[in-house]
Amino acid sequence: MGRRDFYDDPAAPPANSLVPAASAVVIDDDNRIVLQRRRDNEMWALPGGVMELGESVAGCAVRETLEETGLEVEVTGIVGVYSDPKHVFAYDDGEVRQEFSICVLARVRGGNIEVSDESHEVQAFTADEIAELPMVPSIRLRISDYLAGGAPAVR
């Protein structure tokens, strides 16, 4: 299923759903950030996805990271809460979802990098390398908030 992101775009379709999700800034042993290149939009992104009933935010981030990257992680903090109504993503099936994601900070504790049916590349990058990668603005914002340090962002 294809996905198209819109941010503060007057041509964006109106949102018709709001779904809680979690993402993770995953740090490896060399203090690099693990990213996946998504199949649905060809952009680099943090691992993450929709929360399931009975699941915590941390549990969702751990599960999604394992599914999408092959890495086992431990959640160590919160990067921020992202719920900007100006950011929507439209899917081929007609769903237009308003952003609602809690981004956590996590450390790699095991596993091996592997691609999934949602990604075709998974790799760890330095901050300088990330600056050159194609990614949607909301993902870049989460990474910038992490790199800035300080209190969790609420956007």
C-alpha atoms as a PDB file:
ATOM      1  CA  MET A   1       0.000   0.000   0.000  1.00  0.00           C
ATOM      2  CA  GLY A   2       1.400   3.396  -1.009  1.00  0.00           C
ATOM      3  CA  ARG A   3       1.653   6.338   1.348  1.00  0.00           C
ATOM      4  CA  ARG A   4       2.013  10.033   0.674  1.00  0.00           C
ATOM      5  CA  ASP A   5       2.912  12.532   3.403  1.00  0.00           C
ATOM      6  CA  PHE A   6       1.612  16.098   3.507  1.00  0.00           C
ATOM      7  CA  TYR A   7       2.709  18.851   5.860  1.00  0.00           C
ATOM      8  CA  ASP A   8       1.015  22.234   5.974  1.00  0.00           C
ATOM      9  CA  ASP A   9      -0.085  21.663   2.396  1.00  0.00           C
ATOM     10  CA  PRO A  10      -3.333  23.328   1.245  1.00  0.00           C
ATOM     11  CA  ALA A  11      -3.696  20.547  -1.352  1.00  0.00           C
ATOM     12  CA  ALA A  12      -3.659  17.835   1.348  1.00  0.00           C
ATOM     13  CA  PRO A  13      -6.813  15.767   1.667  1.00  0.00           C
ATOM     14  CA  PRO A  14      -8.678  16.170   4.984  1.00  0.00           C
ATOM     15  CA  ALA A  15      -7.871  13.634   7.689  1.00  0.00           C
ATOM     16  CA  ASN A  16     -10.457  10.908   8.258  1.00  0.00           C
ATOM     17  CA  SER A  17      -8.676   8.877  10.949  1.00  0.00           C
ATOM     18  CA  LEU A  18      -6.517   9.265  14.033  1.00  0.00           C
ATOM     19  CA  VAL A  19      -4.547   6.205  15.137  1.00  0.00           C
ATOM     20  CA  PRO A  20      -2.084   6.039  18.062  1.00  0.00           C
ATOM     21  CA  ALA A  21       1.400   5.020  16.991  1.00  0.00           C
ATOM     22  CA  ALA A  22       4.910   4.768  18.391  1.00  0.00           C
ATOM     23  CA  SER A  23       8.302   5.276  16.790  1.00  0.00           C
ATOM     24  CA  ALA A  24      11.820   4.891  18.126  1.00  0.00           C
ATOM     25  CA  VAL A  25      15.133   6.660  17.811  1.00  0.00           C
ATOM     26  CA  VAL A  26      17.266   3.525  18.110  1.00  0.00           C
ATOM     27  CA  ILE A  27      20.903   4.049  19.103  1.00  0.00           C
ATOM     28  CA  ASP A  28      23.480   1.350  18.363  1.00  0.00           C
ATOM     29  CA  ASP A  29      26.722   0.622  20.238  1.00  0.00           C
ATOM     30  CA  ASP A  30      28.556   3.216  18.121  1.00  0.00           C
ATOM     31  CA  ASN A  31      25.976   5.936  18.946  1.00  0.00           C
ATOM     32  CA  ARG A  32      24.559   5.868  15.426  1.00  0.00           C
ATOM     33  CA  ILE A  33      20.831   6.052  14.673  1.00  0.00           C
ATOM     34  CA  VAL A  34      19.202   3.020  13.054  1.00  0.00           C
ATOM     35  CA  LEU A  35      16.900   3.848  10.133  1.00  0.00           C
ATOM     36  CA  GLN A  36      14.894   1.840   7.645  1.00  0.00           C
ATOM     37  CA  ARG A  37      14.126   2.716   4.045  1.00  0.00           C
ATOM     38  CA  ARG A  38      10.371   2.232   3.716  1.00  0.00           C
ATOM     39  CA  ARG A  39       8.856   0.331   0.808  1.00  0.00           C
ATOM     40  CA  ASP A  40       5.670   2.433   0.756  1.00  0.00           C
ATOM     41  CA  ASN A  41       7.316   5.819   0.123  1.00  0.00           C
ATOM     42  CA  GLU A  42      11.030   5.057  -0.463  1.00  0.00           C
ATOM     43  CA  MET A  43      12.016   7.425   2.361  1.00  0.00           C
ATOM     44  CA  TRP A  44      14.301   6.736   5.303  1.00  0.00           C
ATOM     45  CA  ALA A  45      12.402   6.546   8.583  1.00  0.00           C
ATOM     46  CA  LEU A  46      12.561   5.555  12.205  1.00  0.00           C
ATOM     47  CA  PRO A  47      11.093   2.162  13.046  1.00  0.00           C
ATOM     48  CA  GLY A  48       7.547   2.443  14.303  1.00  0.00           C
ATOM     49  CA  GLY A  49       3.925   1.768  13.685  1.00  0.00           C
ATOM     50  CA  VAL A  50       0.396   1.501  14.975  1.00  0.00           C
ATOM     51  CA  MET A  51      -0.263   0.467  18.567  1.00  0.00           C
ATOM     52  CA  GLU A  52      -2.274  -2.692  19.087  1.00  0.00           C
ATOM     53  CA  LEU A  53      -4.965  -3.138  21.731  1.00  0.00           C
ATOM     54  CA  GLY A  54      -3.428  -4.269  25.010  1.00  0.00           C
ATOM     55  CA  GLU A  55      -0.043  -2.798  24.112  1.00  0.00           C
ATOM     56  CA  SER A  56       1.902   0.008  25.775  1.00  0.00           C
ATOM     57  CA  VAL A  57       3.761   2.734  23.860  1.00  0.00           C
ATOM     58  CA  ALA A  58       7.076   1.146  24.869  1.00  0.00           C
ATOM     59  CA  GLY A  59       5.836  -2.322  23.910  1.00  0.00           C
ATOM     60  CA  CYS A  60       4.719  -1.034  20.509  1.00  0.00           C
ATOM     61  CA  ALA A  61       8.099   0.603  19.858  1.00  0.00           C
ATOM     62  CA  VAL A  62       9.967  -2.571  20.872  1.00  0.00           C
ATOM     63  CA  ARG A  63       7.737  -4.806  18.713  1.00  0.00           C
ATOM     64  CA  GLU A  64       7.840  -2.540  15.674  1.00  0.00           C
ATOM     65  CA  THR A  65      11.625  -2.137  15.908  1.00  0.00           C
ATOM     66  CA  LEU A  66      12.108  -5.905  16.015  1.00  0.00           C
ATOM     67  CA  GLU A  67       9.667  -6.468  13.131  1.00  0.00           C
ATOM     68  CA  GLU A  68      11.141  -3.734  10.924  1.00  0.00           C
ATOM     69  CA  THR A  69      14.870  -3.930  11.714  1.00  0.00           C
ATOM     70  CA  GLY A  70      15.579  -7.316  13.344  1.00  0.00           C
ATOM     71  CA  LEU A  71      16.955  -5.533  16.423  1.00  0.00           C
ATOM     72  CA  GLU A  72      15.939  -6.133  20.023  1.00  0.00           C
ATOM     73  CA  VAL A  73      15.816  -2.844  21.924  1.00  0.00           C
ATOM     74  CA  GLU A  74      15.250  -1.434  25.383  1.00  0.00           C
ATOM     75  CA  VAL A  75      13.306   1.823  25.719  1.00  0.00           C
ATOM     76  CA  THR A  76      15.264   4.377  27.756  1.00  0.00           C
ATOM     77  CA  GLY A  77      13.254   7.593  27.417  1.00  0.00           C
ATOM     78  CA  ILE A  78      10.902   9.764  25.408  1.00  0.00           C
ATOM     79  CA  VAL A  79      11.982  11.923  22.477  1.00  0.00           C
ATOM     80  CA  GLY A  80       8.588  13.579  22.085  1.00  0.00           C
ATOM     81  CA  VAL A  81       4.897  13.535  21.289  1.00  0.00           C
ATOM     82  CA  TYR A  82       3.946  14.377  17.697  1.00  0.00           C
ATOM     83  CA  SER A  83       0.320  15.215  16.916  1.00  0.00           C
ATOM     84  CA  ASP A  84       0.419  18.158  14.517  1.00  0.00           C
ATOM     85  CA  PRO A  85      -2.927  18.265  12.657  1.00  0.00           C
ATOM     86  CA  LYS A  86      -1.140  19.927   9.711  1.00  0.00           C
ATOM     87  CA  HIS A  87       0.684  16.619   9.116  1.00  0.00           C
ATOM     88  CA  VAL A  88      -1.410  13.951   7.418  1.00  0.00           C
ATOM     89  CA  PHE A  89      -0.544  10.890   5.402  1.00  0.00           C
ATOM     90  CA  ALA A  90      -2.766   9.490   2.714  1.00  0.00           C
ATOM     91  CA  TYR A  91      -2.929   5.812   1.821  1.00  0.00           C
ATOM     92  CA  ASP A  92      -4.035   4.246  -1.451  1.00  0.00           C
ATOM     93  CA  ASP A  93      -7.144   2.791   0.222  1.00  0.00           C
ATOM     94  CA  GLY A  94      -8.547   6.284   0.988  1.00  0.00           C
ATOM     95  CA  GLU A  95      -7.474   6.529   4.617  1.00  0.00           C
ATOM     96  CA  VAL A  96      -5.986   9.929   5.458  1.00  0.00           C
ATOM     97  CA  ARG A  97      -4.442   9.754   8.900  1.00  0.00           C
ATOM     98  CA  GLN A  98      -3.610  12.695  11.145  1.00  0.00           C
ATOM     99  CA  GLU A  99      -0.241  12.289  12.814  1.00  0.00           C
ATOM    100  CA  PHE A 100      -0.349  10.980  16.389  1.00  0.00           C
ATOM    101  CA  SER A 101       2.890   9.343  17.449  1.00  0.00           C
ATOM    102  CA  ILE A 102       4.933   9.109  20.592  1.00  0.00           C
ATOM    103  CA  CYS A 103       8.618   8.774  19.793  1.00  0.00           C
ATOM    104  CA  VAL A 104      10.793   6.967  22.319  1.00  0.00           C
ATOM    105  CA  LEU A 105      14.528   6.631  22.708  1.00  0.00           C
ATOM    106  CA  ALA A 106      15.866   3.069  22.661  1.00  0.00           C
ATOM    107  CA  ARG A 107      19.195   1.237  22.820  1.00  0.00           C
ATOM    108  CA  VAL A 108      20.075  -1.898  20.868  1.00  0.00           C
ATOM    109  CA  ARG A 109      20.296  -4.917  23.182  1.00  0.00           C
ATOM    110  CA  GLY A 110      20.484  -7.760  20.648  1.00  0.00           C
ATOM    111  CA  GLY A 111      19.453  -9.154  17.296  1.00  0.00           C
ATOM    112  CA  ASN A 112      20.891  -8.517  13.853  1.00  0.00           C
ATOM    113  CA  ILE A 113      19.922  -5.930  11.277  1.00  0.00           C
ATOM    114  CA  GLU A 114      17.442  -7.429   8.806  1.00  0.00           C
ATOM    115  CA  VAL A 115      15.019  -5.987   6.289  1.00  0.00           C
ATOM    116  CA  SER A 116      11.302  -6.698   6.549  1.00  0.00           C
ATOM    117  CA  ASP A 117       8.289  -6.666   4.272  1.00  0.00           C
ATOM    118  CA  GLU A 118       7.956  -2.955   5.188  1.00  0.00           C
ATOM    119  CA  SER A 119      11.543  -1.954   4.424  1.00  0.00           C
ATOM    120  CA  HIS A 120      14.191  -2.853   1.893  1.00  0.00           C
ATOM    121  CA  GLU A 121      17.202  -1.303   3.637  1.00  0.00           C
ATOM    122  CA  VAL A 122      18.115  -0.999   7.314  1.00  0.00           C
ATOM    123  CA  GLN A 123      21.279   0.779   8.358  1.00  0.00           C
ATOM    124  CA  ALA A 124      22.804   2.827  11.189  1.00  0.00           C
ATOM    125  CA  PHE A 125      23.904   6.388  10.425  1.00  0.00           C
ATOM    126  CA  THR A 126      25.745   9.266  12.062  1.00  0.00           C
ATOM    127  CA  ALA A 127      23.967  12.604  12.387  1.00  0.00           C
ATOM    128  CA  ASP A 128      26.015  14.016   9.493  1.00  0.00           C
ATOM    129  CA  GLU A 129      25.059  11.104   7.234  1.00  0.00           C
ATOM    130  CA  ILE A 130      21.371  11.490   8.131  1.00  0.00           C
ATOM    131  CA  ALA A 131      21.387  15.104   6.950  1.00  0.00           C
ATOM    132  CA  GLU A 132      21.831  13.842   3.370  1.00  0.00           C
ATOM    133  CA  LEU A 133      19.120  11.149   3.424  1.00  0.00           C
ATOM    134  CA  PRO A 134      15.671  11.552   1.849  1.00  0.00           C
ATOM    135  CA  MET A 135      13.027  11.538   4.598  1.00  0.00           C
ATOM    136  CA  VAL A 136       9.735  13.195   5.404  1.00  0.00           C
ATOM    137  CA  PRO A 137       9.941  16.345   7.557  1.00  0.00           C
ATOM    138  CA  SER A 138       8.221  14.761  10.582  1.00  0.00           C
ATOM    139  CA  ILE A 139      10.916  12.074  10.844  1.00  0.00           C
ATOM    140  CA  ARG A 140      13.683  14.640  10.445  1.00  0.00           C
ATOM    141  CA  LEU A 141      12.012  16.677  13.227  1.00  0.00           C
ATOM    142  CA  ARG A 142      12.063  13.701  15.618  1.00  0.00           C
ATOM    143  CA  ILE A 143      15.751  13.125  14.914  1.00  0.00           C
ATOM    144  CA  SER A 144      16.502  16.845  15.370  1.00  0.00           C
ATOM    145  CA  ASP A 145      14.620  16.847  18.679  1.00  0.00           C
ATOM    146  CA  TYR A 146      16.671  13.854  19.851  1.00  0.00           C
ATOM    147  CA  LEU A 147      19.955  15.453  18.760  1.00  0.00           C
ATOM    148  CA  ALA A 148      19.043  18.742  20.496  1.00  0.00           C
ATOM    149  CA  GLY A 149      18.692  16.938  23.830  1.00  0.00           C
ATOM    150  CA  GLY A 150      16.742  18.509  26.642  1.00  0.00           C
ATOM    151  CA  ALA A 151      13.153  17.884  27.671  1.00  0.00           C
ATOM    152  CA  PRO A 152      10.883  15.777  25.457  1.00  0.00           C
ATOM    153  CA  ALA A 153       9.259  17.724  22.642  1.00  0.00           C
ATOM    154  CA  VAL A 154       5.505  18.157  22.435  1.00  0.00           C
ATOM    155  CA  ARG A 155       4.472  19.107  18.911  1.00  0.00           C
END
